[in-house]
C-alpha cells in the first residue's frame, strides 16, 4: 500500500505521515524506494500508534524508545544473523578473489611456457 492510501485510511494528512516516516524510518518496514515504495499493513498500524502518541503529546525521543522496546528479540536476532551472513559472504568473496588472482597467474605462466614450446614451422613454397 502507498503512503497516500495509508493517509486516507488513517484520515491524516499525507505530509504528516511522510514526516513521521522519515523521523521513524528505522522502525517502519517498507519495500522498494522512491515512487515505487510500498508499505505492509504493519507500517499502517505503527503509524496509527505514532499518531496516537503524538496526539497524547509524547515526545519523538520517547516514541523512538518505545518503538525500539517493541522490537522483538527475534527481529534483533534476525538483524544480527543477517549481518553475520554478510560478513561470511564478504570473507568468501575475498578468498575467491585471491584464488582467482592465483589462477590467472598460473594461466599466464602456462601460456608463456606453451609459447616457448611451439616453434614456428617453415612454410614450403
PDB file of N, CA and C in Angstrom:
ATOM      1  N   UNK A   1       0.843  -1.169   0.000  1.00  0.00           N
ATOM      2  CA  UNK A   1       0.000   0.000   0.000  1.00  0.00           C
ATOM      3  C   UNK A   1       0.888   1.231   0.000  1.00  0.00           C
ATOM      4  N   UNK A   2       0.409   2.299  -0.597  1.00  0.00           N
ATOM      5  CA  UNK A   2       1.197   3.525  -0.705  1.00  0.00           C
ATOM      6  C   UNK A   2       0.958   4.415   0.517  1.00  0.00           C
ATOM      7  N   UNK A   3       1.791   5.438   0.656  1.00  0.00           N
ATOM      8  CA  UNK A   3       1.623   6.386   1.759  1.00  0.00           C
ATOM      9  C   UNK A   3       0.291   7.124   1.615  1.00  0.00           C
ATOM     10  N   UNK A   4      -0.097   7.414   0.394  1.00  0.00           N
ATOM     11  CA  UNK A   4      -1.374   8.088   0.149  1.00  0.00           C
ATOM     12  C   UNK A   4      -2.540   7.226   0.643  1.00  0.00           C
ATOM     13  N   UNK A   5      -2.494   5.933   0.356  1.00  0.00           N
ATOM     14  CA  UNK A   5      -3.558   5.021   0.811  1.00  0.00           C
ATOM     15  C   UNK A   5      -3.604   4.947   2.331  1.00  0.00           C
ATOM     16  N   UNK A   6      -2.431   4.891   2.941  1.00  0.00           N
ATOM     17  CA  UNK A   6      -2.380   4.856   4.410  1.00  0.00           C
ATOM     18  C   UNK A   6      -2.964   6.141   4.979  1.00  0.00           C
ATOM     19  N   UNK A   7      -2.616   7.279   4.367  1.00  0.00           N
ATOM     20  CA  UNK A   7      -3.127   8.571   4.842  1.00  0.00           C
ATOM     21  C   UNK A   7      -4.653   8.615   4.772  1.00  0.00           C
ATOM     22  N   UNK A   8      -5.217   8.123   3.688  1.00  0.00           N
ATOM     23  CA  UNK A   8      -6.685   8.101   3.549  1.00  0.00           C
ATOM     24  C   UNK A   8      -7.320   7.233   4.623  1.00  0.00           C
ATOM     25  N   UNK A   9      -6.758   6.038   4.825  1.00  0.00           N
ATOM     26  CA  UNK A   9      -7.333   5.109   5.784  1.00  0.00           C
ATOM     27  C   UNK A   9      -7.185   5.608   7.227  1.00  0.00           C
ATOM     28  N   UNK A  10      -6.079   6.293   7.493  1.00  0.00           N
ATOM     29  CA  UNK A  10      -5.844   6.817   8.850  1.00  0.00           C
ATOM     30  C   UNK A  10      -6.503   8.189   9.054  1.00  0.00           C
ATOM     31  N   UNK A  11      -7.002   8.766   7.951  1.00  0.00           N
ATOM     32  CA  UNK A  11      -7.603  10.102   7.990  1.00  0.00           C
ATOM     33  C   UNK A  11      -6.635  11.129   8.569  1.00  0.00           C
ATOM     34  N   UNK A  12      -5.410  11.080   8.046  1.00  0.00           N
ATOM     35  CA  UNK A  12      -4.359  12.017   8.442  1.00  0.00           C
ATOM     36  C   UNK A  12      -3.743  12.609   7.183  1.00  0.00           C
ATOM     37  N   UNK A  13      -3.189  13.810   7.269  1.00  0.00           N
ATOM     38  CA  UNK A  13      -2.524  14.380   6.093  1.00  0.00           C
ATOM     39  C   UNK A  13      -1.320  13.524   5.669  1.00  0.00           C
ATOM     40  N   UNK A  14      -1.217  13.326   4.366  1.00  0.00           N
ATOM     41  CA  UNK A  14      -0.102  12.550   3.830  1.00  0.00           C
ATOM     42  C   UNK A  14       1.233  13.175   4.216  1.00  0.00           C
ATOM     43  N   UNK A  15       1.299  14.493   4.213  1.00  0.00           N
ATOM     44  CA  UNK A  15       2.547  15.185   4.548  1.00  0.00           C
ATOM     45  C   UNK A  15       2.983  14.871   5.988  1.00  0.00           C
ATOM     46  N   UNK A  16       2.024  14.777   6.899  1.00  0.00           N
ATOM     47  CA  UNK A  16       2.335  14.452   8.297  1.00  0.00           C
ATOM     48  C   UNK A  16       2.907  13.043   8.391  1.00  0.00           C
ATOM     49  N   UNK A  17       2.279  12.110   7.692  1.00  0.00           N
ATOM     50  CA  UNK A  17       2.766  10.721   7.717  1.00  0.00           C
ATOM     51  C   UNK A  17       4.164  10.622   7.104  1.00  0.00           C
ATOM     52  N   UNK A  18       4.431  11.402   6.078  1.00  0.00           N
ATOM     53  CA  UNK A  18       5.765  11.371   5.464  1.00  0.00           C
ATOM     54  C   UNK A  18       6.830  11.904   6.431  1.00  0.00           C
ATOM     55  N   UNK A  19       6.481  12.937   7.188  1.00  0.00           N
ATOM     56  CA  UNK A  19       7.420  13.453   8.192  1.00  0.00           C
ATOM     57  C   UNK A  19       7.703  12.360   9.225  1.00  0.00           C
ATOM     58  N   UNK A  20       6.646  11.706   9.692  1.00  0.00           N
ATOM     59  CA  UNK A  20       6.837  10.640  10.680  1.00  0.00           C
ATOM     60  C   UNK A  20       7.596   9.460  10.073  1.00  0.00           C
ATOM     61  N   UNK A  21       7.302   9.151   8.809  1.00  0.00           N
ATOM     62  CA  UNK A  21       8.025   8.070   8.137  1.00  0.00           C
ATOM     63  C   UNK A  21       9.524   8.352   8.142  1.00  0.00           C
ATOM     64  N   UNK A  22       9.888   9.584   7.811  1.00  0.00           N
ATOM     65  CA  UNK A  22      11.309   9.948   7.785  1.00  0.00           C
ATOM     66  C   UNK A  22      11.907   9.949   9.187  1.00  0.00           C
ATOM     67  N   UNK A  23      11.127  10.406  10.151  1.00  0.00           N
ATOM     68  CA  UNK A  23      11.624  10.504  11.526  1.00  0.00           C
ATOM     69  C   UNK A  23      11.810   9.130  12.175  1.00  0.00           C
ATOM     70  N   UNK A  24      10.926   8.186  11.853  1.00  0.00           N
ATOM     71  CA  UNK A  24      10.961   6.861  12.488  1.00  0.00           C
ATOM     72  C   UNK A  24      11.241   5.762  11.465  1.00  0.00           C
ATOM     73  N   UNK A  25      11.989   6.099  10.445  1.00  0.00           N
ATOM     74  CA  UNK A  25      12.266   5.200   9.325  1.00  0.00           C
ATOM     75  C   UNK A  25      12.808   3.830   9.764  1.00  0.00           C
ATOM     76  N   UNK A  26      13.649   3.833  10.781  1.00  0.00           N
ATOM     77  CA  UNK A  26      14.271   2.582  11.221  1.00  0.00           C
ATOM     78  C   UNK A  26      13.250   1.565  11.729  1.00  0.00           C
ATOM     79  N   UNK A  27      12.066   2.026  12.095  1.00  0.00           N
ATOM     80  CA  UNK A  27      11.068   1.141  12.688  1.00  0.00           C
ATOM     81  C   UNK A  27       9.912   0.823  11.750  1.00  0.00           C
ATOM     82  N   UNK A  28       9.877   1.456  10.585  1.00  0.00           N
ATOM     83  CA  UNK A  28       8.747   1.298   9.669  1.00  0.00           C
ATOM     84  C   UNK A  28       9.157   0.493   8.449  1.00  0.00           C
ATOM     85  N   UNK A  29       8.674  -0.731   8.336  1.00  0.00           N
ATOM     86  CA  UNK A  29       9.031  -1.568   7.193  1.00  0.00           C
ATOM     87  C   UNK A  29       8.507  -0.980   5.883  1.00  0.00           C
ATOM     88  N   UNK A  30       9.320  -1.077   4.845  1.00  0.00           N
ATOM     89  CA  UNK A  30       8.938  -0.612   3.508  1.00  0.00           C
ATOM     90  C   UNK A  30       9.601  -1.505   2.476  1.00  0.00           C
ATOM     91  N   UNK A  31       8.971  -1.575   1.317  1.00  0.00           N
ATOM     92  CA  UNK A  31       9.501  -2.370   0.212  1.00  0.00           C
ATOM     93  C   UNK A  31       9.692  -1.431  -0.969  1.00  0.00           C
ATOM     94  N   UNK A  32      10.860  -1.428  -1.566  1.00  0.00           N
ATOM     95  CA  UNK A  32      11.138  -0.572  -2.706  1.00  0.00           C
ATOM     96  C   UNK A  32      11.618   0.802  -2.275  1.00  0.00           C
ATOM     97  N   UNK A  33      11.830   1.661  -3.271  1.00  0.00           N
ATOM     98  CA  UNK A  33      12.318   3.009  -3.000  1.00  0.00           C
ATOM     99  C   UNK A  33      11.603   4.015  -3.887  1.00  0.00           C
ATOM    100  N   UNK A  34      11.669   5.274  -3.472  1.00  0.00           N
ATOM    101  CA  UNK A  34      11.098   6.357  -4.267  1.00  0.00           C
ATOM    102  C   UNK A  34       9.605   6.192  -4.473  1.00  0.00           C
ATOM    103  N   UNK A  35       9.162   6.458  -5.699  1.00  0.00           N
ATOM    104  CA  UNK A  35       7.736   6.367  -6.012  1.00  0.00           C
ATOM    105  C   UNK A  35       7.223   4.937  -5.996  1.00  0.00           C
ATOM    106  N   UNK A  36       8.126   3.998  -6.009  1.00  0.00           N
ATOM    107  CA  UNK A  36       7.730   2.583  -6.001  1.00  0.00           C
ATOM    108  C   UNK A  36       7.670   2.001  -4.588  1.00  0.00           C
ATOM    109  N   UNK A  37       7.935   2.811  -3.605  1.00  0.00           N
ATOM    110  CA  UNK A  37       7.944   2.337  -2.223  1.00  0.00           C
ATOM    111  C   UNK A  37       6.523   1.944  -1.808  1.00  0.00           C
ATOM    112  N   UNK A  38       6.413   0.769  -1.192  1.00  0.00           N
ATOM    113  CA  UNK A  38       5.140   0.268  -0.692  1.00  0.00           C
ATOM    114  C   UNK A  38       5.331  -0.142   0.758  1.00  0.00           C
ATOM    115  N   UNK A  39       4.223  -0.161   1.485  1.00  0.00           N
ATOM    116  CA  UNK A  39       4.278  -0.429   2.913  1.00  0.00           C
ATOM    117  C   UNK A  39       3.338  -1.576   3.269  1.00  0.00           C
ATOM    118  N   UNK A  40       3.810  -2.492   4.107  1.00  0.00           N
ATOM    119  CA  UNK A  40       2.919  -3.557   4.570  1.00  0.00           C
ATOM    120  C   UNK A  40       1.940  -2.999   5.606  1.00  0.00           C
ATOM    121  N   UNK A  41       0.934  -3.787   5.943  1.00  0.00           N
ATOM    122  CA  UNK A  41      -0.077  -3.335   6.905  1.00  0.00           C
ATOM    123  C   UNK A  41       0.522  -3.044   8.277  1.00  0.00           C
ATOM    124  N   UNK A  42       1.629  -3.676   8.598  1.00  0.00           N
ATOM    125  CA  UNK A  42       2.262  -3.402   9.894  1.00  0.00           C
ATOM    126  C   UNK A  42       2.712  -1.950   9.987  1.00  0.00           C
ATOM    127  N   UNK A  43       3.123  -1.376   8.860  1.00  0.00           N
ATOM    128  CA  UNK A  43       3.528   0.034   8.848  1.00  0.00           C
ATOM    129  C   UNK A  43       2.330   0.927   9.139  1.00  0.00           C
ATOM    130  N   UNK A  44       1.185   0.592   8.553  1.00  0.00           N
ATOM    131  CA  UNK A  44      -0.020   1.376   8.806  1.00  0.00           C
ATOM    132  C   UNK A  44      -0.359   1.330  10.299  1.00  0.00           C
ATOM    133  N   UNK A  45      -0.275   0.154  10.900  1.00  0.00           N
ATOM    134  CA  UNK A  45      -0.577   0.021  12.326  1.00  0.00           C
ATOM    135  C   UNK A  45       0.402   0.846  13.167  1.00  0.00           C
ATOM    136  N   UNK A  46       1.673   0.804  12.803  1.00  0.00           N
ATOM    137  CA  UNK A  46       2.671   1.579  13.549  1.00  0.00           C
ATOM    138  C   UNK A  46       2.434   3.083  13.409  1.00  0.00           C
ATOM    139  N   UNK A  47       2.077   3.525  12.210  1.00  0.00           N
ATOM    140  CA  UNK A  47       1.802   4.948  12.010  1.00  0.00           C
ATOM    141  C   UNK A  47       0.561   5.392  12.795  1.00  0.00           C
ATOM    142  N   UNK A  48      -0.440   4.515  12.896  1.00  0.00           N
ATOM    143  CA  UNK A  48      -1.617   4.825  13.727  1.00  0.00           C
ATOM    144  C   UNK A  48      -1.192   4.965  15.193  1.00  0.00           C
ATOM    145  N   UNK A  49      -0.306   4.071  15.626  1.00  0.00           N
ATOM    146  CA  UNK A  49       0.171   4.128  17.010  1.00  0.00           C
ATOM    147  C   UNK A  49       0.963   5.413  17.252  1.00  0.00           C
ATOM    148  N   UNK A  50       1.822   5.758  16.300  1.00  0.00           N
ATOM    149  CA  UNK A  50       2.601   7.001  16.414  1.00  0.00           C
ATOM    150  C   UNK A  50       1.658   8.199  16.480  1.00  0.00           C
ATOM    151  N   UNK A  51       0.608   8.182  15.646  1.00  0.00           N
ATOM    152  CA  UNK A  51      -0.371   9.273  15.658  1.00  0.00           C
ATOM    153  C   UNK A  51      -1.004   9.415  17.042  1.00  0.00           C
ATOM    154  N   UNK A  52      -1.341   8.296  17.649  1.00  0.00           N
ATOM    155  CA  UNK A  52      -1.923   8.332  18.997  1.00  0.00           C
ATOM    156  C   UNK A  52      -0.954   8.908  20.016  1.00  0.00           C
ATOM    157  N   UNK A  53       0.298   8.498  19.929  1.00  0.00           N
ATOM    158  CA  UNK A  53       1.311   9.012  20.862  1.00  0.00           C
ATOM    159  C   UNK A  53       1.533  10.506  20.658  1.00  0.00           C
ATOM    160  N   UNK A  54       1.589  10.918  19.386  1.00  0.00           N
ATOM    161  CA  UNK A  54       1.784  12.343  19.096  1.00  0.00           C
ATOM    162  C   UNK A  54       0.608  13.160  19.634  1.00  0.00           C
ATOM    163  N   UNK A  55      -0.606  12.648  19.435  1.00  0.00           N
ATOM    164  CA  UNK A  55      -1.806  13.336  19.904  1.00  0.00           C
ATOM    165  C   UNK A  55      -1.798  13.465  21.430  1.00  0.00           C
ATOM    166  N   UNK A  56      -1.221  12.447  22.081  1.00  0.00           N
ATOM    167  CA  UNK A  56      -1.131  12.459  23.550  1.00  0.00           C
ATOM    168  C   UNK A  56       0.018  13.344  24.037  1.00  0.00           C
ATOM    169  N   UNK A  57       0.810  13.882  23.103  1.00  0.00           N
ATOM    170  CA  UNK A  57       1.895  14.786  23.478  1.00  0.00           C
ATOM    171  C   UNK A  57       3.218  14.101  23.784  1.00  0.00           C
ATOM    172  N   UNK A  58       3.349  12.840  23.397  1.00  0.00           N
ATOM    173  CA  UNK A  58       4.592  12.115  23.649  1.00  0.00           C
ATOM    174  C   UNK A  58       5.706  12.666  22.751  1.00  0.00           C
ATOM    175  N   UNK A  59       6.873  12.979  23.325  1.00  0.00           N
ATOM    176  CA  UNK A  59       7.984  13.488  22.511  1.00  0.00           C
ATOM    177  C   UNK A  59       8.559  12.397  21.592  1.00  0.00           C
ATOM    178  N   UNK A  60       9.147  12.849  20.487  1.00  0.00           N
ATOM    179  CA  UNK A  60       9.690  11.918  19.484  1.00  0.00           C
ATOM    180  C   UNK A  60      10.709  10.947  20.075  1.00  0.00           C
ATOM    181  N   UNK A  61      11.558  11.436  20.965  1.00  0.00           N
ATOM    182  CA  UNK A  61      12.585  10.558  21.556  1.00  0.00           C
ATOM    183  C   UNK A  61      11.941   9.427  22.351  1.00  0.00           C
ATOM    184  N   UNK A  62      10.880   9.733  23.053  1.00  0.00           N
ATOM    185  CA  UNK A  62      10.173   8.710  23.824  1.00  0.00           C
ATOM    186  C   UNK A  62       9.476   7.720  22.882  1.00  0.00           C
ATOM    187  N   UNK A  63       8.916   8.235  21.781  1.00  0.00           N
ATOM    188  CA  UNK A  63       8.291   7.355  20.791  1.00  0.00           C
ATOM    189  C   UNK A  63       9.342   6.417  20.202  1.00  0.00           C
ATOM    190  N   UNK A  64      10.496   6.963  19.892  1.00  0.00           N
ATOM    191  CA  UNK A  64      11.592   6.152  19.345  1.00  0.00           C
ATOM    192  C   UNK A  64      11.985   5.045  20.332  1.00  0.00           C
ATOM    193  N   UNK A  65      12.069   5.401  21.604  1.00  0.00           N
ATOM    194  CA  UNK A  65      12.422   4.409  22.632  1.00  0.00           C
ATOM    195  C   UNK A  65      11.355   3.326  22.729  1.00  0.00           C
ATOM    196  N   UNK A  66      10.107   3.737  22.658  1.00  0.00           N
ATOM    197  CA  UNK A  66       9.006   2.775  22.736  1.00  0.00           C
ATOM    198  C   UNK A  66       9.012   1.838  21.532  1.00  0.00           C
ATOM    199  N   UNK A  67       9.256   2.397  20.352  1.00  0.00           N
ATOM    200  CA  UNK A  67       9.335   1.552  19.158  1.00  0.00           C
ATOM    201  C   UNK A  67      10.507   0.581  19.246  1.00  0.00           C
ATOM    202  N   UNK A  68      11.630   1.053  19.775  1.00  0.00           N
ATOM    203  CA  UNK A  68      12.802   0.178  19.937  1.00  0.00           C
ATOM    204  C   UNK A  68      12.512  -0.925  20.945  1.00  0.00           C
ATOM    205  N   UNK A  69      11.804  -0.577  22.008  1.00  0.00           N
ATOM    206  CA  UNK A  69      11.469  -1.564  23.037  1.00  0.00           C
ATOM    207  C   UNK A  69      10.550  -2.637  22.475  1.00  0.00           C
ATOM    208  N   UNK A  70       9.682  -2.246  21.563  1.00  0.00           N
ATOM    209  CA  UNK A  70       8.717  -3.186  20.988  1.00  0.00           C
ATOM    210  C   UNK A  70       9.323  -4.098  19.929  1.00  0.00           C
ATOM    211  N   UNK A  71      10.512  -3.777  19.482  1.00  0.00           N
ATOM    212  CA  UNK A  71      11.184  -4.660  18.532  1.00  0.00           C
ATOM    213  C   UNK A  71      11.460  -5.970  19.257  1.00  0.00           C
ATOM    214  N   UNK A  72      10.996  -7.053  18.695  1.00  0.00           N
ATOM    215  CA  UNK A  72      11.118  -8.334  19.378  1.00  0.00           C
ATOM    216  C   UNK A  72      12.562  -8.842  19.339  1.00  0.00           C
ATOM    217  N   UNK A  73      12.927  -9.653  20.314  1.00  0.00           N
ATOM    218  CA  UNK A  73      14.269 -10.253  20.278  1.00  0.00           C
ATOM    219  C   UNK A  73      14.512 -11.042  18.995  1.00  0.00           C
ATOM    220  N   UNK A  74      13.455 -11.657  18.453  1.00  0.00           N
ATOM    221  CA  UNK A  74      13.593 -12.412  17.207  1.00  0.00           C
ATOM    222  C   UNK A  74      14.030 -11.481  16.082  1.00  0.00           C
ATOM    223  N   UNK A  75      13.415 -10.296  15.994  1.00  0.00           N
ATOM    224  CA  UNK A  75      13.796  -9.335  14.955  1.00  0.00           C
ATOM    225  C   UNK A  75      15.233  -8.876  15.142  1.00  0.00           C
ATOM    226  N   UNK A  76      15.630  -8.640  16.399  1.00  0.00           N
ATOM    227  CA  UNK A  76      17.022  -8.242  16.654  1.00  0.00           C
ATOM    228  C   UNK A  76      17.964  -9.364  16.267  1.00  0.00           C
ATOM    229  N   UNK A  77      17.575 -10.603  16.574  1.00  0.00           N
ATOM    230  CA  UNK A  77      18.397 -11.764  16.219  1.00  0.00           C
ATOM    231  C   UNK A  77      18.509 -11.920  14.716  1.00  0.00           C
ATOM    232  N   UNK A  78      17.417 -11.661  14.009  1.00  0.00           N
ATOM    233  CA  UNK A  78      17.444 -11.753  12.552  1.00  0.00           C
ATOM    234  C   UNK A  78      18.395 -10.725  11.973  1.00  0.00           C
ATOM    235  N   UNK A  79      18.405  -9.518  12.549  1.00  0.00           N
ATOM    236  CA  UNK A  79      19.328  -8.485  12.066  1.00  0.00           C
ATOM    237  C   UNK A  79      20.768  -8.924  12.285  1.00  0.00           C
ATOM    238  N   UNK A  80      21.050  -9.445  13.493  1.00  0.00           N
ATOM    239  CA  UNK A  80      22.419  -9.903  13.785  1.00  0.00           C
ATOM    240  C   UNK A  80      22.790 -11.053  12.865  1.00  0.00           C
ATOM    241  N   UNK A  81      21.851 -11.970  12.642  1.00  0.00           N
ATOM    242  CA  UNK A  81      22.101 -13.111  11.778  1.00  0.00           C
ATOM    243  C   UNK A  81      22.396 -12.648  10.356  1.00  0.00           C
ATOM    244  N   UNK A  82      21.662 -11.679   9.875  1.00  0.00           N
ATOM    245  CA  UNK A  82      21.896 -11.135   8.533  1.00  0.00           C
ATOM    246  C   UNK A  82      23.272 -10.496   8.449  1.00  0.00           C
ATOM    247  N   UNK A  83      23.648  -9.738   9.475  1.00  0.00           N
ATOM    248  CA  UNK A  83      24.971  -9.115   9.486  1.00  0.00           C
ATOM    249  C   UNK A  83      26.059 -10.183   9.484  1.00  0.00           C
ATOM    250  N   UNK A  84      25.849 -11.257  10.238  1.00  0.00           N
ATOM    251  CA  UNK A  84      26.810 -12.349  10.281  1.00  0.00           C
ATOM    252  C   UNK A  84      26.934 -13.002   8.899  1.00  0.00           C
ATOM    253  N   UNK A  85      25.805 -13.214   8.240  1.00  0.00           N
ATOM    254  CA  UNK A  85      25.827 -13.814   6.912  1.00  0.00           C
ATOM    255  C   UNK A  85      26.557 -12.910   5.918  1.00  0.00           C
ATOM    256  N   UNK A  86      26.333 -11.620   6.027  1.00  0.00           N
ATOM    257  CA  UNK A  86      27.040 -10.693   5.145  1.00  0.00           C
ATOM    258  C   UNK A  86      28.542 -10.730   5.382  1.00  0.00           C
ATOM    259  N   UNK A  87      28.960 -10.812   6.640  1.00  0.00           N
ATOM    260  CA  UNK A  87      30.384 -10.916   6.956  1.00  0.00           C
ATOM    261  C   UNK A  87      30.979 -12.189   6.352  1.00  0.00           C
ATOM    262  N   UNK A  88      30.239 -13.305   6.449  1.00  0.00           N
ATOM    263  CA  UNK A  88      30.716 -14.568   5.883  1.00  0.00           C
ATOM    264  C   UNK A  88      30.833 -14.471   4.361  1.00  0.00           C
ATOM    265  N   UNK A  89      29.844 -13.858   3.720  1.00  0.00           N
ATOM    266  CA  UNK A  89      29.891 -13.702   2.266  1.00  0.00           C
ATOM    267  C   UNK A  89      31.067 -12.833   1.837  1.00  0.00           C
ATOM    268  N   UNK A  90      31.313 -11.766   2.589  1.00  0.00           N
ATOM    269  CA  UNK A  90      32.432 -10.887   2.267  1.00  0.00           C
ATOM    270  C   UNK A  90      33.753 -11.638   2.383  1.00  0.00           C
ATOM    271  N   UNK A  91      33.901 -12.442   3.420  1.00  0.00           N
ATOM    272  CA  UNK A  91      35.119 -13.234   3.587  1.00  0.00           C
ATOM    273  C   UNK A  91      35.271 -14.231   2.434  1.00  0.00           C
ATOM    274  N   UNK A  92      34.170 -14.843   2.015  1.00  0.00           N
ATOM    275  CA  UNK A  92      34.201 -15.790   0.905  1.00  0.00           C
ATOM    276  C   UNK A  92      34.615 -15.098  -0.392  1.00  0.00           C
ATOM    277  N   UNK A  93      34.074 -13.920  -0.638  1.00  0.00           N
ATOM    278  CA  UNK A  93      34.426 -13.162  -1.846  1.00  0.00           C
ATOM    279  C   UNK A  93      35.909 -12.809  -1.834  1.00  0.00           C
ATOM    280  N   UNK A  94      36.408 -12.391  -0.681  1.00  0.00           N
ATOM    281  CA  UNK A  94      37.836 -12.061  -0.590  1.00  0.00           C
ATOM    282  C   UNK A  94      38.699 -13.282  -0.872  1.00  0.00           C
ATOM    283  N   UNK A  95      38.317 -14.430  -0.328  1.00  0.00           N
ATOM    284  CA  UNK A  95      39.072 -15.668  -0.560  1.00  0.00           C
ATOM    285  C   UNK A  95      39.046 -16.023  -2.043  1.00  0.00           C
ATOM    286  N   UNK A  96      37.862 -15.964  -2.646  1.00  0.00           N
ATOM    287  CA  UNK A  96      37.748 -16.324  -4.059  1.00  0.00           C
ATOM    288  C   UNK A  96      38.493 -15.345  -4.947  1.00  0.00           C
ATOM    289  N   UNK A  97      38.549 -14.088  -4.538  1.00  0.00           N
ATOM    290  CA  UNK A  97      39.293 -13.100  -5.312  1.00  0.00           C
ATOM    291  C   UNK A  97      40.773 -13.434  -5.336  1.00  0.00           C
ATOM    292  N   UNK A  98      41.317 -13.818  -4.176  1.00  0.00           N
ATOM    293  CA  UNK A  98      42.732 -14.163  -4.139  1.00  0.00           C
ATOM    294  C   UNK A  98      42.999 -15.468  -4.893  1.00  0.00           C
ATOM    295  N   UNK A  99      42.067 -16.430  -4.817  1.00  0.00           N
ATOM    296  CA  UNK A  99      42.220 -17.673  -5.571  1.00  0.00           C
ATOM    297  C   UNK A  99      42.164 -17.393  -7.071  1.00  0.00           C
ATOM    298  N   UNK A 100      41.285 -16.491  -7.475  1.00  0.00           N
ATOM    299  CA  UNK A 100      41.167 -16.131  -8.883  1.00  0.00           C
ATOM    300  C   UNK A 100      42.454 -15.478  -9.381  1.00  0.00           C
ATOM    301  N   UNK A 101      43.051 -14.631  -8.578  1.00  0.00           N
ATOM    302  CA  UNK A 101      44.310 -13.984  -8.957  1.00  0.00           C
ATOM    303  C   UNK A 101      45.404 -15.034  -9.133  1.00  0.00           C
ATOM    304  N   UNK A 102      45.449 -16.025  -8.237  1.00  0.00           N
ATOM    305  CA  UNK A 102      46.448 -17.087  -8.342  1.00  0.00           C
ATOM    306  C   UNK A 102      46.232 -17.906  -9.620  1.00  0.00           C
ATOM    307  N   UNK A 103      44.979 -18.200  -9.936  1.00  0.00           N
ATOM    308  CA  UNK A 103      44.681 -18.956 -11.154  1.00  0.00           C
ATOM    309  C   UNK A 103      45.061 -18.168 -12.409  1.00  0.00           C
ATOM    310  N   UNK A 104      44.800 -16.875 -12.396  1.00  0.00           N
ATOM    311  CA  UNK A 104      45.187 -16.046 -13.540  1.00  0.00           C
ATOM    312  C   UNK A 104      46.695 -16.059 -13.749  1.00  0.00           C
ATOM    313  N   UNK A 105      47.428 -15.982 -12.656  1.00  0.00           N
ATOM    314  CA  UNK A 105      48.887 -16.012 -12.747  1.00  0.00           C
ATOM    315  C   UNK A 105      49.350 -17.359 -13.303  1.00  0.00           C
ATOM    316  N   UNK A 106      48.728 -18.432 -12.856  1.00  0.00           N
ATOM    317  CA  UNK A 106      49.088 -19.766 -13.322  1.00  0.00           C
ATOM    318  C   UNK A 106      48.777 -19.919 -14.821  1.00  0.00           C
ATOM    319  N   UNK A 107      47.636 -19.420 -15.261  1.00  0.00           N
ATOM    320  CA  UNK A 107      47.279 -19.486 -16.683  1.00  0.00           C
ATOM    321  C   UNK A 107      48.280 -18.674 -17.505  1.00  0.00           C
ATOM    322  N   UNK A 108      48.669 -17.523 -17.015  1.00  0.00           N
ATOM    323  CA  UNK A 108      49.653 -16.703 -17.723  1.00  0.00           C
ATOM    324  C   UNK A 108      50.973 -17.435 -17.878  1.00  0.00           C
ATOM    325  N   UNK A 109      51.395 -18.090 -16.817  1.00  0.00           N
ATOM    326  CA  UNK A 109      52.652 -18.848 -16.865  1.00  0.00           C
ATOM    327  C   UNK A 109      52.545 -20.011 -17.850  1.00  0.00           C
ATOM    328  N   UNK A 110      51.416 -20.711 -17.841  1.00  0.00           N
ATOM    329  CA  UNK A 110      51.220 -21.818 -18.787  1.00  0.00           C
ATOM    330  C   UNK A 110      51.230 -21.310 -20.226  1.00  0.00           C
ATOM    331  N   UNK A 111      50.657 -20.151 -20.448  1.00  0.00           N
ATOM    332  CA  UNK A 111      50.672 -19.584 -21.795  1.00  0.00           C
ATOM    333  C   UNK A 111      52.099 -19.256 -22.231  1.00  0.00           C
ATOM    334  N   UNK A 112      52.881 -18.711 -21.324  1.00  0.00           N
ATOM    335  CA  UNK A 112      54.276 -18.396 -21.653  1.00  0.00           C
ATOM    336  C   UNK A 112      55.046 -19.672 -21.978  1.00  0.00           C
ATOM    337  N   UNK A 113      54.836 -20.712 -21.166  1.00  0.00           N
ATOM    338  CA  UNK A 113      55.537 -21.981 -21.412  1.00  0.00           C
ATOM    339  C   UNK A 113      55.093 -22.591 -22.735  1.00  0.00           C
ATOM    340  N   UNK A 114      53.818 -22.535 -23.017  1.00  0.00           N
ATOM    341  CA  UNK A 114      53.305 -23.098 -24.277  1.00  0.00           C
ATOM    342  C   UNK A 114      53.859 -22.327 -25.467  1.00  0.00           C
ATOM    343  N   UNK A 115      54.010 -21.034 -25.322  1.00  0.00           N
ATOM    344  CA  UNK A 115      54.546 -20.208 -26.403  1.00  0.00           C
ATOM    345  C   UNK A 115      55.984 -20.560 -26.723  1.00  0.00           C
ATOM    346  N   UNK A 116      56.763 -20.951 -25.716  1.00  0.00           N
ATOM    347  CA  UNK A 116      58.162 -21.327 -25.945  1.00  0.00           C
ATOM    348  C   UNK A 116      58.261 -22.693 -26.591  1.00  0.00           C
ATOM    349  N   UNK A 117      57.303 -23.572 -26.305  1.00  0.00           N
ATOM    350  CA  UNK A 117      57.367 -24.925 -26.842  1.00  0.00           C
ATOM    351  C   UNK A 117      56.922 -24.996 -28.299  1.00  0.00           C
ATOM    352  N   UNK A 118      56.078 -24.092 -28.700  1.00  0.00           N
ATOM    353  CA  UNK A 118      55.605 -24.107 -30.085  1.00  0.00           C
ATOM    354  C   UNK A 118      56.626 -23.367 -30.935  1.00  0.00           C
ATOM    355  N   UNK A 119      57.236 -24.095 -31.885  1.00  0.00           N
ATOM    356  CA  UNK A 119      58.221 -23.487 -32.769  1.00  0.00           C
ATOM    357  C   UNK A 119      57.547 -23.187 -34.089  1.00  0.00           C
ATOM    358  N   UNK A 120      57.804 -22.032 -34.620  1.00  0.00           N
ATOM    359  CA  UNK A 120      57.185 -21.698 -35.909  1.00  0.00           C
ATOM    360  C   UNK A 120      57.648 -22.683 -36.996  1.00  0.00           C
ATOM    361  N   UNK A 121      56.723 -23.104 -37.791  1.00  0.00           N
ATOM    362  CA  UNK A 121      57.047 -24.022 -38.875  1.00  0.00           C
ATOM    363  C   UNK A 121      57.396 -23.218 -40.131  1.00  0.00           C
ATOM    364  N   UNK A 122      58.353 -23.763 -40.842  1.00  0.00           N
ATOM    365  CA  UNK A 122      58.750 -23.118 -42.100  1.00  0.00           C
ATOM    366  C   UNK A 122      57.719 -23.475 -43.154  1.00  0.00           C
ATOM    367  N   UNK A 123      57.356 -22.507 -43.924  1.00  0.00           N
ATOM    368  CA  UNK A 123      56.390 -22.760 -44.996  1.00  0.00           C
ATOM    369  C   UNK A 123      57.115 -23.192 -46.239  1.00  0.00           C
ATOM    370  N   UNK A 124      56.575 -24.173 -46.904  1.00  0.00           N
ATOM    371  CA  UNK A 124      57.173 -24.628 -48.170  1.00  0.00           C
ATOM    372  C   UNK A 124      56.587 -23.803 -49.303  1.00  0.00           C
ATOM    373  N   UNK A 125      57.423 -23.403 -50.192  1.00  0.00           N
ATOM    374  CA  UNK A 125      56.929 -22.634 -51.328  1.00  0.00           C
ATOM    375  C   UNK A 125      56.864 -23.454 -52.555  1.00  0.00           C
TER     376      UNK A 125
END
